[in-house]
Protein backbone atom coordinates (compact mmCIF):
# COMPACT_ATOMS: atom_id res chain seq x y z
CA MET A 1 0.00 0.00 0.00
CA SER A 2 1.17 3.43 -0.77
CA ASP A 3 1.06 6.49 1.43
CA SER A 4 -1.79 8.02 -0.53
CA GLU A 5 -4.09 5.05 0.19
CA GLN A 6 -3.61 5.06 3.95
CA PRO A 7 -5.69 7.59 5.83
CA ASN A 8 -3.81 10.19 7.75
CA PRO A 9 -4.32 9.86 11.55
CA ASN A 10 -4.99 13.59 11.81
CA GLU A 11 -7.66 13.32 9.13
CA GLN A 12 -9.30 10.44 10.97
CA LYS A 13 -9.36 12.45 14.19
CA SER A 14 -10.85 15.46 12.45
CA ARG A 15 -13.51 13.27 10.76
CA LEU A 16 -14.41 11.70 14.09
CA LYS A 17 -14.57 15.12 15.66
CA ARG A 18 -16.86 16.42 12.88
CA ARG A 19 -19.10 13.36 13.21
CA ARG A 20 -19.39 13.84 16.95
CA ILE A 21 -20.20 17.53 16.53
CA LEU A 22 -22.76 16.68 13.84
CA SER A 23 -24.30 13.93 15.99
CA ILE A 24 -24.49 16.19 19.04
CA SER A 25 -25.99 18.96 16.90
CA ILE A 26 -28.66 16.69 15.44
CA ILE A 27 -29.54 15.29 18.86
CA SER A 28 -29.67 18.80 20.32
CA VAL A 29 -31.97 20.08 17.55
CA ALA A 30 -34.23 17.03 17.92
CA LEU A 31 -34.39 17.46 21.70
CA PHE A 32 -35.08 21.19 21.36
CA ALA A 33 -37.86 20.51 18.83
CA PHE A 34 -39.34 17.88 21.14
CA LEU A 35 -39.31 20.27 24.09
CA LEU A 36 -41.05 22.95 22.05
CA PHE A 37 -43.48 21.18 19.76
CA SER A 38 -44.33 17.80 21.24
CA LYS A 39 -47.61 16.92 22.90
CA TYR A 40 -46.05 17.88 26.24
CA GLY A 41 -43.93 20.75 24.90
CA LEU A 42 -43.76 24.39 25.82
CA VAL A 43 -45.98 25.58 22.97
CA THR A 44 -48.76 23.25 24.10
CA ARG A 45 -48.26 24.26 27.71
CA PHE A 46 -48.55 27.99 26.96
CA SER A 47 -51.62 27.37 24.84
CA LEU A 48 -53.25 25.42 27.67
CA GLU A 49 -52.36 28.14 30.17
CA ARG A 50 -54.09 30.75 27.97
CA LYS A 51 -57.18 28.56 27.71
CA LYS A 52 -57.16 28.02 31.47
CA SER A 53 -56.99 31.75 32.09
CA ALA A 54 -59.86 32.35 29.65
CA TYR A 55 -61.95 29.68 31.37
CA TYR A 56 -61.34 31.23 34.80
CA THR A 57 -62.41 34.61 33.42
CA GLU A 58 -65.55 33.07 31.93
CA ILE A 59 -66.33 31.30 35.22
CA SER A 60 -65.98 34.58 37.08
CA GLU A 61 -68.30 36.39 34.66
CA LEU A 62 -70.87 33.60 34.78
CA SER A 63 -70.72 33.52 38.56
CA SER A 64 -71.48 37.24 38.79
CA TYR A 65 -74.31 36.79 36.26
CA GLN A 66 -75.66 33.94 38.36
CA ASP A 67 -75.60 36.18 41.45
CA THR A 68 -77.53 38.83 39.52
CA LEU A 69 -80.14 36.27 38.50
CA ARG A 70 -80.48 35.04 42.09
CA ASN A 71 -81.08 38.61 43.25
CA ASP A 72 -83.71 39.07 40.53
CA ILE A 73 -85.43 35.88 41.63
CA LYS A 74 -85.52 37.07 45.25
CA LYS A 75 -86.93 40.43 44.14
CA LEU A 76 -89.63 38.74 42.09
CA GLN A 77 -90.56 36.43 44.96
CA TYR A 78 -90.82 39.02 47.73
CA ASP A 79 -90.81 42.58 46.35
CA THR A 80 -94.26 43.62 45.15
CA LEU A 81 -92.94 46.94 43.83
CA GLU A 82 -90.57 45.08 41.51
CA ILE A 83 -93.39 42.86 40.27
CA GLU A 84 -95.51 45.95 39.65
CA ARG A 85 -92.69 47.70 37.78
CA ILE A 86 -92.18 44.74 35.46
CA ALA A 87 -95.93 44.41 34.87
CA ARG A 88 -96.09 48.07 33.88
CA GLU A 89 -92.98 48.16 31.69
CA GLN A 90 -93.14 44.83 29.90
CA TYR A 91 -96.85 44.11 29.76
CA GLY A 92 -98.32 47.63 29.70
CA MET A 93 -100.57 46.98 32.68
CA VAL A 94 -102.17 49.88 34.57
CA LYS A 95 -104.01 50.23 37.85
CA PRO A 96 -107.75 50.89 37.72
CA GLY A 97 -108.44 54.60 37.27
CA GLU A 98 -104.91 55.35 36.08
CA LYS A 99 -104.30 57.35 32.90
CA VAL A 100 -101.53 56.36 30.51
CA PHE A 101 -99.72 58.92 28.38
CA ILE A 102 -97.73 57.64 25.43
CA ILE A 103 -94.89 59.87 24.31
CA LYS A 104 -93.59 59.31 20.81
CA ASN A 105 -90.16 60.45 19.74
CA ASP A 106 -89.78 61.68 16.18
CA ASP A 107 -86.25 60.64 15.28
CA LYS A 108 -85.38 62.32 12.00
């Protein structure tokens, strides 16, 4: 065998070094991609956190709406003035002997 056919030991070391660097780089990129984009990755986690926050906000709004409805129910069960107000406004009811004046707005 001639000298040109035998690999140089320095070349072999540099090839091995390049392969190791390439292997470590590929593994690092794959691990980074897994941490970001997998089912359990950071992107999914941040998305779920946003949804969780939105759900808590919605729960808070619905809870306050529920409290308002409970107060309305109590008013309608016990407050005769409230019942009378609703009867007058929504159903146009009047007491006997009462006069009703209808005011029309001319929006032009």
